[in-house]
Amino acid sequence: QADAQLVAELRTARWEDIKGIADRCRVCPMAAERTNTVV
């Protein structure tokens, strides 16, 4: 399930903010195994 708070932040996020929001995403098991988010 998508994180409702992150979805709300993305609606008004700037281009340079998307990377930081993706780094805070933990909604799926892939977040525990990743090294970096790839935006």
PDB file of all heavy atoms in Angstrom:
ATOM      1  N   GLN A   1       0.836  -1.191   0.000  1.00  0.00           N
ATOM      2  CA  GLN A   1       0.000   0.000   0.000  1.00  0.00           C
ATOM      3  C   GLN A   1       0.877   1.249   0.000  1.00  0.00           C
ATOM      4  O   GLN A   1       1.888   1.313   0.703  1.00  0.00           O
ATOM      5  CB  GLN A   1      -0.923   0.003   1.237  1.00  0.00           C
ATOM      6  CG  GLN A   1      -1.839  -1.210   1.344  1.00  0.00           C
ATOM      7  CD  GLN A   1      -2.895  -1.232   0.252  1.00  0.00           C
ATOM      8  OE1 GLN A   1      -3.314  -0.174  -0.229  1.00  0.00           O
ATOM      9  NE2 GLN A   1      -3.344  -2.422  -0.123  1.00  0.00           N
ATOM     10  N   ALA A   2       0.491   2.231  -0.787  1.00  0.00           N
ATOM     11  CA  ALA A   2       1.245   3.491  -0.855  1.00  0.00           C
ATOM     12  C   ALA A   2       1.111   4.263   0.455  1.00  0.00           C
ATOM     13  O   ALA A   2       0.094   4.176   1.162  1.00  0.00           O
ATOM     14  CB  ALA A   2       0.745   4.335  -2.019  1.00  0.00           C
ATOM     15  N   ASP A   3       2.165   4.988   0.785  1.00  0.00           N
ATOM     16  CA  ASP A   3       2.170   5.823   1.988  1.00  0.00           C
ATOM     17  C   ASP A   3       1.389   7.101   1.683  1.00  0.00           C
ATOM     18  O   ASP A   3       1.783   7.908   0.835  1.00  0.00           O
ATOM     19  CB  ASP A   3       3.606   6.143   2.384  1.00  0.00           C
ATOM     20  CG  ASP A   3       3.701   6.804   3.745  1.00  0.00           C
ATOM     21  OD1 ASP A   3       2.767   7.548   4.120  1.00  0.00           O
ATOM     22  OD2 ASP A   3       4.722   6.602   4.436  1.00  0.00           O
ATOM     23  N   ALA A   4       0.272   7.293   2.367  1.00  0.00           N
ATOM     24  CA  ALA A   4      -0.593   8.442   2.089  1.00  0.00           C
ATOM     25  C   ALA A   4       0.120   9.757   2.365  1.00  0.00           C
ATOM     26  O   ALA A   4      -0.094  10.749   1.635  1.00  0.00           O
ATOM     27  CB  ALA A   4      -1.866   8.345   2.930  1.00  0.00           C
ATOM     28  N   GLN A   5       0.972   9.805   3.382  1.00  0.00           N
ATOM     29  CA  GLN A   5       1.677  11.040   3.695  1.00  0.00           C
ATOM     30  C   GLN A   5       2.673  11.405   2.592  1.00  0.00           C
ATOM     31  O   GLN A   5       2.770  12.573   2.185  1.00  0.00           O
ATOM     32  CB  GLN A   5       2.401  10.908   5.031  1.00  0.00           C
ATOM     33  CG  GLN A   5       3.131  12.177   5.458  1.00  0.00           C
ATOM     34  CD  GLN A   5       3.811  12.026   6.806  1.00  0.00           C
ATOM     35  OE1 GLN A   5       3.637  11.006   7.489  1.00  0.00           O
ATOM     36  NE2 GLN A   5       4.580  13.046   7.200  1.00  0.00           N
ATOM     37  N   LEU A   6       3.401  10.397   2.081  1.00  0.00           N
ATOM     38  CA  LEU A   6       4.358  10.669   1.006  1.00  0.00           C
ATOM     39  C   LEU A   6       3.647  11.073  -0.275  1.00  0.00           C
ATOM     40  O   LEU A   6       4.130  11.945  -1.023  1.00  0.00           O
ATOM     41  CB  LEU A   6       5.225   9.435   0.758  1.00  0.00           C
ATOM     42  CG  LEU A   6       6.115   8.979   1.915  1.00  0.00           C
ATOM     43  CD1 LEU A   6       6.945   7.777   1.495  1.00  0.00           C
ATOM     44  CD2 LEU A   6       7.015  10.130   2.377  1.00  0.00           C
ATOM     45  N   VAL A   7       2.496  10.456  -0.524  1.00  0.00           N
ATOM     46  CA  VAL A   7       1.721  10.808  -1.719  1.00  0.00           C
ATOM     47  C   VAL A   7       1.280  12.258  -1.651  1.00  0.00           C
ATOM     48  O   VAL A   7       1.320  13.006  -2.652  1.00  0.00           O
ATOM     49  CB  VAL A   7       0.518   9.868  -1.884  1.00  0.00           C
ATOM     50  CG1 VAL A   7      -0.399  10.346  -3.010  1.00  0.00           C
ATOM     51  CG2 VAL A   7       0.990   8.444  -2.157  1.00  0.00           C
ATOM     52  N   ALA A   8       0.878  12.693  -0.462  1.00  0.00           N
ATOM     53  CA  ALA A   8       0.471  14.089  -0.293  1.00  0.00           C
ATOM     54  C   ALA A   8       1.645  15.043  -0.501  1.00  0.00           C
ATOM     55  O   ALA A   8       1.481  16.131  -1.088  1.00  0.00           O
ATOM     56  CB  ALA A   8      -0.145  14.286   1.092  1.00  0.00           C
ATOM     57  N   GLU A   9       2.831  14.656  -0.045  1.00  0.00           N
ATOM     58  CA  GLU A   9       4.011  15.501  -0.238  1.00  0.00           C
ATOM     59  C   GLU A   9       4.400  15.587  -1.712  1.00  0.00           C
ATOM     60  O   GLU A   9       4.858  16.643  -2.195  1.00  0.00           O
ATOM     61  CB  GLU A   9       5.185  14.954   0.584  1.00  0.00           C
ATOM     62  CG  GLU A   9       4.996  15.060   2.093  1.00  0.00           C
ATOM     63  CD  GLU A   9       6.201  14.536   2.841  1.00  0.00           C
ATOM     64  OE1 GLU A   9       7.289  14.407   2.219  1.00  0.00           O
ATOM     65  OE2 GLU A   9       6.067  14.231   4.037  1.00  0.00           O
ATOM     66  N   LEU A  10       4.216  14.506  -2.449  1.00  0.00           N
ATOM     67  CA  LEU A  10       4.613  14.493  -3.861  1.00  0.00           C
ATOM     68  C   LEU A  10       3.744  15.415  -4.720  1.00  0.00           C
ATOM     69  O   LEU A  10       4.195  15.886  -5.773  1.00  0.00           O
ATOM     70  CB  LEU A  10       4.545  13.057  -4.396  1.00  0.00           C
ATOM     71  CG  LEU A  10       5.663  12.123  -3.936  1.00  0.00           C
ATOM     72  CD1 LEU A  10       5.357  10.689  -4.323  1.00  0.00           C
ATOM     73  CD2 LEU A  10       6.998  12.561  -4.544  1.00  0.00           C
ATOM     74  N   ARG A  11       2.531  15.674  -4.312  1.00  0.00           N
ATOM     75  CA  ARG A  11       1.645  16.516  -5.127  1.00  0.00           C
ATOM     76  C   ARG A  11       2.198  17.926  -5.296  1.00  0.00           C
ATOM     77  O   ARG A  11       1.950  18.579  -6.316  1.00  0.00           O
ATOM     78  CB  ARG A  11       0.247  16.567  -4.490  1.00  0.00           C
ATOM     79  CG  ARG A  11      -0.507  15.238  -4.538  1.00  0.00           C
ATOM     80  CD  ARG A  11      -1.965  15.448  -4.193  1.00  0.00           C
ATOM     81  NE  ARG A  11      -2.685  14.189  -4.141  1.00  0.00           N
ATOM     82  CZ  ARG A  11      -3.035  13.566  -3.014  1.00  0.00           C
ATOM     83  NH1 ARG A  11      -2.726  14.120  -1.831  1.00  0.00           N
ATOM     84  NH2 ARG A  11      -3.683  12.430  -3.053  1.00  0.00           N
ATOM     85  N   THR A  12       2.943  18.405  -4.307  1.00  0.00           N
ATOM     86  CA  THR A  12       3.499  19.766  -4.367  1.00  0.00           C
ATOM     87  C   THR A  12       5.027  19.774  -4.343  1.00  0.00           C
ATOM     88  O   THR A  12       5.626  20.839  -4.179  1.00  0.00           O
ATOM     89  CB  THR A  12       2.962  20.582  -3.186  1.00  0.00           C
ATOM     90  OG1 THR A  12       3.318  19.941  -1.949  1.00  0.00           O
ATOM     91  CG2 THR A  12       1.447  20.726  -3.263  1.00  0.00           C
ATOM     92  N   ALA A  13       5.645  18.599  -4.511  1.00  0.00           N
ATOM     93  CA  ALA A  13       7.110  18.519  -4.411  1.00  0.00           C
ATOM     94  C   ALA A  13       7.776  19.142  -5.623  1.00  0.00           C
ATOM     95  O   ALA A  13       7.246  19.116  -6.745  1.00  0.00           O
ATOM     96  CB  ALA A  13       7.527  17.067  -4.252  1.00  0.00           C
ATOM     97  N   ARG A  14       8.962  19.709  -5.399  1.00  0.00           N
ATOM     98  CA  ARG A  14       9.786  20.208  -6.493  1.00  0.00           C
ATOM     99  C   ARG A  14      10.635  19.062  -7.038  1.00  0.00           C
ATOM    100  O   ARG A  14      10.730  17.985  -6.451  1.00  0.00           O
ATOM    101  CB  ARG A  14      10.672  21.343  -5.986  1.00  0.00           C
ATOM    102  CG  ARG A  14       9.916  22.558  -5.479  1.00  0.00           C
ATOM    103  CD  ARG A  14      10.870  23.553  -4.857  1.00  0.00           C
ATOM    104  NE  ARG A  14      11.599  22.970  -3.740  1.00  0.00           N
ATOM    105  CZ  ARG A  14      12.577  23.615  -3.091  1.00  0.00           C
ATOM    106  NH1 ARG A  14      12.939  24.840  -3.478  1.00  0.00           N
ATOM    107  NH2 ARG A  14      13.184  23.025  -2.081  1.00  0.00           N
ATOM    108  N   TRP A  15      11.264  19.267  -8.179  1.00  0.00           N
ATOM    109  CA  TRP A  15      12.066  18.222  -8.799  1.00  0.00           C
ATOM    110  C   TRP A  15      13.171  17.737  -7.869  1.00  0.00           C
ATOM    111  O   TRP A  15      13.391  16.533  -7.731  1.00  0.00           O
ATOM    112  CB  TRP A  15      12.644  18.735 -10.105  1.00  0.00           C
ATOM    113  CG  TRP A  15      13.530  17.713 -10.783  1.00  0.00           C
ATOM    114  CD1 TRP A  15      14.882  17.698 -10.809  1.00  0.00           C
ATOM    115  CD2 TRP A  15      13.101  16.562 -11.514  1.00  0.00           C
ATOM    116  NE1 TRP A  15      15.348  16.608 -11.516  1.00  0.00           N
ATOM    117  CE2 TRP A  15      14.256  15.889 -11.958  1.00  0.00           C
ATOM    118  CE3 TRP A  15      11.846  16.052 -11.853  1.00  0.00           C
ATOM    119  CZ2 TRP A  15      14.207  14.720 -12.718  1.00  0.00           C
ATOM    120  CZ3 TRP A  15      11.795  14.898 -12.606  1.00  0.00           C
ATOM    121  CH2 TRP A  15      12.968  14.238 -13.028  1.00  0.00           C
ATOM    122  N   GLU A  16      13.853  18.648  -7.208  1.00  0.00           N
ATOM    123  CA  GLU A  16      14.958  18.266  -6.324  1.00  0.00           C
ATOM    124  C   GLU A  16      14.480  17.631  -5.024  1.00  0.00           C
ATOM    125  O   GLU A  16      15.280  17.079  -4.277  1.00  0.00           O
ATOM    126  CB  GLU A  16      15.830  19.488  -6.021  1.00  0.00           C
ATOM    127  CG  GLU A  16      15.103  20.654  -5.400  1.00  0.00           C
ATOM    128  CD  GLU A  16      14.578  21.607  -6.450  1.00  0.00           C
ATOM    129  OE1 GLU A  16      14.498  21.213  -7.624  1.00  0.00           O
ATOM    130  OE2 GLU A  16      14.261  22.766  -6.093  1.00  0.00           O
ATOM    131  N   ASP A  17      13.166  17.704  -4.733  1.00  0.00           N
ATOM    132  CA  ASP A  17      12.649  17.097  -3.497  1.00  0.00           C
ATOM    133  C   ASP A  17      12.263  15.626  -3.672  1.00  0.00           C
ATOM    134  O   ASP A  17      12.085  14.909  -2.676  1.00  0.00           O
ATOM    135  CB  ASP A  17      11.417  17.870  -3.012  1.00  0.00           C
ATOM    136  CG  ASP A  17      11.752  19.303  -2.638  1.00  0.00           C
ATOM    137  OD1 ASP A  17      12.926  19.548  -2.276  1.00  0.00           O
ATOM    138  OD2 ASP A  17      10.858  20.163  -2.737  1.00  0.00           O
ATOM    139  N   ILE A  18      12.080  15.185  -4.898  1.00  0.00           N
ATOM    140  CA  ILE A  18      11.574  13.826  -5.135  1.00  0.00           C
ATOM    141  C   ILE A  18      12.556  12.773  -4.620  1.00  0.00           C
ATOM    142  O   ILE A  18      12.149  11.759  -4.045  1.00  0.00           O
ATOM    143  CB  ILE A  18      11.282  13.627  -6.638  1.00  0.00           C
ATOM    144  CG1 ILE A  18      10.180  14.582  -7.084  1.00  0.00           C
ATOM    145  CG2 ILE A  18      10.882  12.184  -6.918  1.00  0.00           C
ATOM    146  CD1 ILE A  18       9.853  14.507  -8.556  1.00  0.00           C
ATOM    147  N   LYS A  19      13.842  13.006  -4.785  1.00  0.00           N
ATOM    148  CA  LYS A  19      14.854  12.047  -4.318  1.00  0.00           C
ATOM    149  C   LYS A  19      14.766  11.846  -2.812  1.00  0.00           C
ATOM    150  O   LYS A  19      14.804  10.707  -2.317  1.00  0.00           O
ATOM    151  CB  LYS A  19      16.240  12.546  -4.723  1.00  0.00           C
ATOM    152  CG  LYS A  19      17.418  11.784  -4.117  1.00  0.00           C
ATOM    153  CD  LYS A  19      17.515  10.366  -4.614  1.00  0.00           C
ATOM    154  CE  LYS A  19      18.784   9.708  -4.067  1.00  0.00           C
ATOM    155  NZ  LYS A  19      18.886   8.277  -4.422  1.00  0.00           N
ATOM    156  N   GLY A  20      14.645  12.912  -2.042  1.00  0.00           N
ATOM    157  CA  GLY A  20      14.545  12.788  -0.588  1.00  0.00           C
ATOM    158  C   GLY A  20      13.280  12.083  -0.150  1.00  0.00           C
ATOM    159  O   GLY A  20      13.291  11.303   0.818  1.00  0.00           O
ATOM    160  N   ILE A  21      12.171  12.323  -0.832  1.00  0.00           N
ATOM    161  CA  ILE A  21      10.916  11.635  -0.484  1.00  0.00           C
ATOM    162  C   ILE A  21      11.033  10.143  -0.783  1.00  0.00           C
ATOM    163  O   ILE A  21      10.561   9.298  -0.009  1.00  0.00           O
ATOM    164  CB  ILE A  21       9.737  12.268  -1.249  1.00  0.00           C
ATOM    165  CG1 ILE A  21       9.572  13.735  -0.836  1.00  0.00           C
ATOM    166  CG2 ILE A  21       8.454  11.489  -0.991  1.00  0.00           C
ATOM    167  CD1 ILE A  21       8.504  14.473  -1.634  1.00  0.00           C
ATOM    168  N   ALA A  22      11.675   9.789  -1.889  1.00  0.00           N
ATOM    169  CA  ALA A  22      11.857   8.370  -2.225  1.00  0.00           C
ATOM    170  C   ALA A  22      12.740   7.668  -1.197  1.00  0.00           C
ATOM    171  O   ALA A  22      12.499   6.498  -0.858  1.00  0.00           O
ATOM    172  CB  ALA A  22      12.446   8.237  -3.618  1.00  0.00           C
ATOM    173  N   ASP A  23      13.740   8.365  -0.666  1.00  0.00           N
ATOM    174  CA  ASP A  23      14.614   7.749   0.329  1.00  0.00           C
ATOM    175  C   ASP A  23      13.861   7.442   1.628  1.00  0.00           C
ATOM    176  O   ASP A  23      14.252   6.533   2.377  1.00  0.00           O
ATOM    177  CB  ASP A  23      15.795   8.676   0.630  1.00  0.00           C
ATOM    178  CG  ASP A  23      16.754   8.780  -0.555  1.00  0.00           C
ATOM    179  OD1 ASP A  23      16.717   7.878  -1.423  1.00  0.00           O
ATOM    180  OD2 ASP A  23      17.521   9.771  -0.618  1.00  0.00           O
ATOM    181  N   ARG A  24      12.802   8.180   1.907  1.00  0.00           N
ATOM    182  CA  ARG A  24      12.032   7.943   3.131  1.00  0.00           C
ATOM    183  C   ARG A  24      10.922   6.913   2.961  1.00  0.00           C
ATOM    184  O   ARG A  24      10.232   6.570   3.918  1.00  0.00           O
ATOM    185  CB  ARG A  24      11.416   9.263   3.607  1.00  0.00           C
ATOM    186  CG  ARG A  24      12.454  10.248   4.122  1.00  0.00           C
ATOM    187  CD  ARG A  24      11.802  11.439   4.813  1.00  0.00           C
ATOM    188  NE  ARG A  24      11.226  12.398   3.867  1.00  0.00           N
ATOM    189  CZ  ARG A  24       9.929  12.660   3.761  1.00  0.00           C
ATOM    190  NH1 ARG A  24       9.058  12.006   4.526  1.00  0.00           N
ATOM    191  NH2 ARG A  24       9.491  13.550   2.890  1.00  0.00           N
ATOM    192  N   CYS A  25      10.764   6.402   1.746  1.00  0.00           N
ATOM    193  CA  CYS A  25       9.695   5.426   1.477  1.00  0.00           C
ATOM    194  C   CYS A  25      10.091   4.059   2.017  1.00  0.00           C
ATOM    195  O   CYS A  25      11.190   3.558   1.749  1.00  0.00           O
ATOM    196  CB  CYS A  25       9.407   5.352  -0.018  1.00  0.00           C
ATOM    197  SG  CYS A  25       8.082   4.199  -0.455  1.00  0.00           S
ATOM    198  N   ARG A  26       9.181   3.432   2.791  1.00  0.00           N
ATOM    199  CA  ARG A  26       9.406   2.094   3.360  1.00  0.00           C
ATOM    200  C   ARG A  26       8.165   1.206   3.207  1.00  0.00           C
ATOM    201  O   ARG A  26       7.935   0.314   4.029  1.00  0.00           O
ATOM    202  CB  ARG A  26       9.749   2.206   4.851  1.00  0.00           C
ATOM    203  CG  ARG A  26      11.075   2.899   5.162  1.00  0.00           C
ATOM    204  CD  ARG A  26      12.243   1.995   4.766  1.00  0.00           C
ATOM    205  NE  ARG A  26      13.527   2.551   5.202  1.00  0.00           N
ATOM    206  CZ  ARG A  26      14.232   3.446   4.514  1.00  0.00           C
ATOM    207  NH1 ARG A  26      13.762   3.890   3.353  1.00  0.00           N
ATOM    208  NH2 ARG A  26      15.386   3.884   4.961  1.00  0.00           N
ATOM    209  N   VAL A  27       7.389   1.425   2.187  1.00  0.00           N
ATOM    210  CA  VAL A  27       6.104   0.729   2.079  1.00  0.00           C
ATOM    211  C   VAL A  27       6.238  -0.700   1.558  1.00  0.00           C
ATOM    212  O   VAL A  27       5.308  -1.492   1.704  1.00  0.00           O
ATOM    213  CB  VAL A  27       5.125   1.516   1.188  1.00  0.00           C
ATOM    214  CG1 VAL A  27       4.843   2.879   1.783  1.00  0.00           C
ATOM    215  CG2 VAL A  27       5.666   1.638  -0.234  1.00  0.00           C
ATOM    216  N   CYS A  28       7.385  -1.059   0.955  1.00  0.00           N
ATOM    217  CA  CYS A  28       7.531  -2.401   0.396  1.00  0.00           C
ATOM    218  C   CYS A  28       8.840  -3.030   0.888  1.00  0.00           C
ATOM    219  O   CYS A  28       9.744  -2.306   1.342  1.00  0.00           O
ATOM    220  CB  CYS A  28       7.484  -2.376  -1.131  1.00  0.00           C
ATOM    221  SG  CYS A  28       8.884  -1.536  -1.888  1.00  0.00           S
ATOM    222  N   PRO A  29       8.979  -4.355   0.803  1.00  0.00           N
ATOM    223  CA  PRO A  29      10.206  -5.018   1.272  1.00  0.00           C
ATOM    224  C   PRO A  29      11.461  -4.618   0.506  1.00  0.00           C
ATOM    225  O   PRO A  29      12.567  -4.840   0.997  1.00  0.00           O
ATOM    226  CB  PRO A  29       9.898  -6.501   1.064  1.00  0.00           C
ATOM    227  CG  PRO A  29       8.406  -6.599   1.048  1.00  0.00           C
ATOM    228  CD  PRO A  29       7.944  -5.328   0.417  1.00  0.00           C
ATOM    229  N   MET A  30      11.326  -4.041  -0.686  1.00  0.00           N
ATOM    230  CA  MET A  30      12.511  -3.648  -1.450  1.00  0.00           C
ATOM    231  C   MET A  30      13.316  -2.573  -0.728  1.00  0.00           C
ATOM    232  O   MET A  30      14.522  -2.443  -0.935  1.00  0.00           O
ATOM    233  CB  MET A  30      12.106  -3.150  -2.843  1.00  0.00           C
ATOM    234  CG  MET A  30      11.586  -4.239  -3.760  1.00  0.00           C
ATOM    235  SD  MET A  30      11.281  -3.626  -5.438  1.00  0.00           S
ATOM    236  CE  MET A  30       9.934  -2.483  -5.155  1.00  0.00           C
ATOM    237  N   ALA A  31      12.650  -1.789   0.130  1.00  0.00           N
ATOM    238  CA  ALA A  31      13.353  -0.710   0.836  1.00  0.00           C
ATOM    239  C   ALA A  31      14.422  -1.260   1.769  1.00  0.00           C
ATOM    240  O   ALA A  31      15.454  -0.612   1.992  1.00  0.00           O
ATOM    241  CB  ALA A  31      12.350   0.133   1.618  1.00  0.00           C
ATOM    242  N   ALA A  32      14.216  -2.460   2.324  1.00  0.00           N
ATOM    243  CA  ALA A  32      15.185  -3.029   3.258  1.00  0.00           C
ATOM    244  C   ALA A  32      16.403  -3.600   2.531  1.00  0.00           C
ATOM    245  O   ALA A  32      17.442  -3.822   3.173  1.00  0.00           O
ATOM    246  CB  ALA A  32      14.518  -4.114   4.099  1.00  0.00           C
ATOM    247  N   GLU A  33      16.301  -3.857   1.234  1.00  0.00           N
ATOM    248  CA  GLU A  33      17.396  -4.488   0.494  1.00  0.00           C
ATOM    249  C   GLU A  33      18.123  -3.527  -0.453  1.00  0.00           C
ATOM    250  O   GLU A  33      19.154  -3.877  -1.004  1.00  0.00           O
ATOM    251  CB  GLU A  33      16.859  -5.685  -0.309  1.00  0.00           C
ATOM    252  CG  GLU A  33      16.210  -6.757   0.551  1.00  0.00           C
ATOM    253  CD  GLU A  33      15.755  -7.949  -0.272  1.00  0.00           C
ATOM    254  OE1 GLU A  33      16.101  -7.997  -1.476  1.00  0.00           O
ATOM    255  OE2 GLU A  33      15.053  -8.819   0.266  1.00  0.00           O
ATOM    256  N   ARG A  34      17.593  -2.354  -0.655  1.00  0.00           N
ATOM    257  CA  ARG A  34      18.186  -1.435  -1.622  1.00  0.00           C
ATOM    258  C   ARG A  34      19.441  -0.776  -1.051  1.00  0.00           C
ATOM    259  O   ARG A  34      19.608  -0.646   0.173  1.00  0.00           O
ATOM    260  CB  ARG A  34      17.168  -0.370  -2.011  1.00  0.00           C
ATOM    261  CG  ARG A  34      16.932   0.665  -0.911  1.00  0.00           C
ATOM    262  CD  ARG A  34      15.778   1.576  -1.220  1.00  0.00           C
ATOM    263  NE  ARG A  34      15.558   2.539  -0.135  1.00  0.00           N
ATOM    264  CZ  ARG A  34      14.428   3.165   0.087  1.00  0.00           C
ATOM    265  NH1 ARG A  34      13.375   2.923  -0.702  1.00  0.00           N
ATOM    266  NH2 ARG A  34      14.306   4.036   1.079  1.00  0.00           N
ATOM    267  N   THR A  35      20.311  -0.339  -1.955  1.00  0.00           N
ATOM    268  CA  THR A  35      21.466   0.484  -1.591  1.00  0.00           C
ATOM    269  C   THR A  35      21.154   1.951  -1.805  1.00  0.00           C
ATOM    270  O   THR A  35      21.476   2.793  -0.959  1.00  0.00           O
ATOM    271  CB  THR A  35      22.688   0.078  -2.425  1.00  0.00           C
ATOM    272  OG1 THR A  35      22.952  -1.312  -2.243  1.00  0.00           O
ATOM    273  CG2 THR A  35      23.918   0.872  -2.006  1.00  0.00           C
ATOM    274  N   ASN A  36      20.523   2.259  -2.935  1.00  0.00           N
ATOM    275  CA  ASN A  36      20.116   3.623  -3.265  1.00  0.00           C
ATOM    276  C   ASN A  36      18.768   3.590  -3.966  1.00  0.00           C
ATOM    277  O   ASN A  36      18.431   2.616  -4.652  1.00  0.00           O
ATOM    278  CB  ASN A  36      21.138   4.310  -4.197  1.00  0.00           C
ATOM    279  CG  ASN A  36      22.441   4.629  -3.499  1.00  0.00           C
ATOM    280  OD1 ASN A  36      22.502   5.472  -2.599  1.00  0.00           O
ATOM    281  ND2 ASN A  36      23.508   3.953  -3.913  1.00  0.00           N
ATOM    282  N   THR A  37      18.004   4.640  -3.796  1.00  0.00           N
ATOM    283  CA  THR A  37      16.839   4.828  -4.655  1.00  0.00           C
ATOM    284  C   THR A  37      17.324   5.420  -5.979  1.00  0.00           C
ATOM    285  O   THR A  37      18.288   6.181  -6.029  1.00  0.00           O
ATOM    286  CB  THR A  37      15.828   5.786  -4.009  1.00  0.00           C
ATOM    287  OG1 THR A  37      16.467   7.030  -3.709  1.00  0.00           O
ATOM    288  CG2 THR A  37      15.250   5.180  -2.737  1.00  0.00           C
ATOM    289  N   VAL A  38      16.674   5.023  -7.052  1.00  0.00           N
ATOM    290  CA  VAL A  38      17.070   5.452  -8.402  1.00  0.00           C
ATOM    291  C   VAL A  38      15.904   6.257  -8.969  1.00  0.00           C
ATOM    292  O   VAL A  38      14.874   5.681  -9.349  1.00  0.00           O
ATOM    293  CB  VAL A  38      17.412   4.243  -9.282  1.00  0.00           C
ATOM    294  CG1 VAL A  38      17.893   4.706 -10.646  1.00  0.00           C
ATOM    295  CG2 VAL A  38      18.466   3.360  -8.613  1.00  0.00           C
ATOM    296  N   VAL A  39      16.073   7.587  -9.009  1.00  0.00           N
ATOM    297  CA  VAL A  39      14.964   8.457  -9.384  1.00  0.00           C
ATOM    298  C   VAL A  39      14.995   8.796 -10.868  1.00  0.00           C
ATOM    299  O   VAL A  39      14.061   8.482 -11.613  1.00  0.00           O
ATOM    300  CB  VAL A  39      14.962   9.738  -8.516  1.00  0.00           C
ATOM    301  CG1 VAL A  39      13.834  10.673  -8.957  1.00  0.00           C
ATOM    302  CG2 VAL A  39      14.788   9.376  -7.047  1.00  0.00           C
TER     303      VAL A  39
END
